[in-house]
Amino acid sequence: MNLNSQSANSSDTYSQRLADIVGTVIALITLTLPVFIIAHYSSVNVENNQPSLSYDLSIPGD
């Protein structure tokens, strides 16, 4: 009976370890993928929409 309980504990430990690894991979993808997607799409064809700060200072009639 001891052998069966040790086998079950070994299987549970392996399952727990696998779940930890899969969870860590999912967490890393969830945190990093949006950053890369935003960086990729925000750097492509970005238009400069700032208003021009130059003024026409000529005097009318000259």
C-alpha atoms as a PDB file:
ATOM      1  CA  MET A   1       0.000   0.000   0.000  1.00  0.00           C
ATOM      2  CA  ASN A   2       2.916   2.308   0.580  1.00  0.00           C
ATOM      3  CA  LEU A   3       4.022   1.895  -3.015  1.00  0.00           C
ATOM      4  CA  ASN A   4       0.646   3.007  -4.328  1.00  0.00           C
ATOM      5  CA  SER A   5       0.575   6.120  -2.180  1.00  0.00           C
ATOM      6  CA  GLN A   6       4.118   7.045  -3.209  1.00  0.00           C
ATOM      7  CA  SER A   7       3.192   6.610  -6.868  1.00  0.00           C
ATOM      8  CA  ALA A   8       0.168   8.853  -6.431  1.00  0.00           C
ATOM      9  CA  ASN A   9       2.284  11.499  -4.687  1.00  0.00           C
ATOM     10  CA  SER A  10       4.856  11.361  -7.492  1.00  0.00           C
ATOM     11  CA  SER A  11       2.144  11.829 -10.091  1.00  0.00           C
ATOM     12  CA  ASP A  12       0.636  14.727  -8.142  1.00  0.00           C
ATOM     13  CA  THR A  13       4.061  16.360  -7.818  1.00  0.00           C
ATOM     14  CA  TYR A  14       4.642  16.035 -11.572  1.00  0.00           C
ATOM     15  CA  SER A  15       1.193  17.434 -12.342  1.00  0.00           C
ATOM     16  CA  GLN A  16       1.737  20.324  -9.944  1.00  0.00           C
ATOM     17  CA  ARG A  17       5.143  21.069 -11.474  1.00  0.00           C
ATOM     18  CA  LEU A  18       3.700  20.972 -14.991  1.00  0.00           C
ATOM     19  CA  ALA A  19       0.821  23.237 -13.938  1.00  0.00           C
ATOM     20  CA  ASP A  20       3.317  25.705 -12.434  1.00  0.00           C
ATOM     21  CA  ILE A  21       5.363  25.796 -15.640  1.00  0.00           C
ATOM     22  CA  VAL A  22       2.311  26.176 -17.889  1.00  0.00           C
ATOM     23  CA  GLY A  23       0.908  28.889 -15.628  1.00  0.00           C
ATOM     24  CA  THR A  24       4.195  30.774 -15.669  1.00  0.00           C
ATOM     25  CA  VAL A  25       4.391  30.601 -19.460  1.00  0.00           C
ATOM     26  CA  ILE A  26       0.811  31.847 -19.795  1.00  0.00           C
ATOM     27  CA  ALA A  27       1.494  34.693 -17.352  1.00  0.00           C
ATOM     28  CA  LEU A  28       4.627  35.766 -19.217  1.00  0.00           C
ATOM     29  CA  ILE A  29       2.831  35.698 -22.561  1.00  0.00           C
ATOM     30  CA  THR A  30      -0.083  37.653 -21.098  1.00  0.00           C
ATOM     31  CA  LEU A  31       2.259  40.340 -19.754  1.00  0.00           C
ATOM     32  CA  THR A  32       4.698  40.641 -22.655  1.00  0.00           C
ATOM     33  CA  LEU A  33       2.659  40.023 -25.801  1.00  0.00           C
ATOM     34  CA  PRO A  34       0.497  43.175 -25.516  1.00  0.00           C
ATOM     35  CA  VAL A  35       3.625  45.294 -25.008  1.00  0.00           C
ATOM     36  CA  PHE A  36       5.211  43.911 -28.178  1.00  0.00           C
ATOM     37  CA  ILE A  37       2.000  44.308 -30.171  1.00  0.00           C
ATOM     38  CA  ILE A  38       1.544  47.913 -29.040  1.00  0.00           C
ATOM     39  CA  ALA A  39       5.199  48.701 -29.771  1.00  0.00           C
ATOM     40  CA  HIS A  40       4.950  47.130 -33.215  1.00  0.00           C
ATOM     41  CA  TYR A  41       1.812  48.928 -34.332  1.00  0.00           C
ATOM     42  CA  SER A  42       2.589  52.272 -32.731  1.00  0.00           C
ATOM     43  CA  SER A  43       5.943  52.599 -34.505  1.00  0.00           C
ATOM     44  CA  VAL A  44       4.600  51.947 -38.009  1.00  0.00           C
ATOM     45  CA  ASN A  45       3.635  55.039 -40.035  1.00  0.00           C
ATOM     46  CA  VAL A  46       3.219  57.364 -37.100  1.00  0.00           C
ATOM     47  CA  GLU A  47       2.114  60.763 -38.304  1.00  0.00           C
ATOM     48  CA  ASN A  48       3.244  63.880 -36.522  1.00  0.00           C
ATOM     49  CA  ASN A  49      -0.028  65.576 -35.586  1.00  0.00           C
ATOM     50  CA  GLN A  50       1.507  68.454 -33.655  1.00  0.00           C
ATOM     51  CA  PRO A  51       0.365  71.895 -34.735  1.00  0.00           C
ATOM     52  CA  SER A  52       2.853  74.161 -36.438  1.00  0.00           C
ATOM     53  CA  LEU A  53       4.309  76.796 -34.131  1.00  0.00           C
ATOM     54  CA  SER A  54       5.434  79.188 -36.867  1.00  0.00           C
ATOM     55  CA  TYR A  55       3.570  82.452 -37.300  1.00  0.00           C
ATOM     56  CA  ASP A  56       3.408  84.904 -40.160  1.00  0.00           C
ATOM     57  CA  LEU A  57       4.685  88.184 -38.702  1.00  0.00           C
ATOM     58  CA  SER A  58       4.572  90.225 -41.889  1.00  0.00           C
ATOM     59  CA  ILE A  59       2.820  93.589 -41.737  1.00  0.00           C
ATOM     60  CA  PRO A  60      -0.132  93.837 -44.115  1.00  0.00           C
ATOM     61  CA  GLY A  61       0.277  96.494 -46.804  1.00  0.00           C
ATOM     62  CA  ASP A  62       4.089  96.453 -46.961  1.00  0.00           C
END
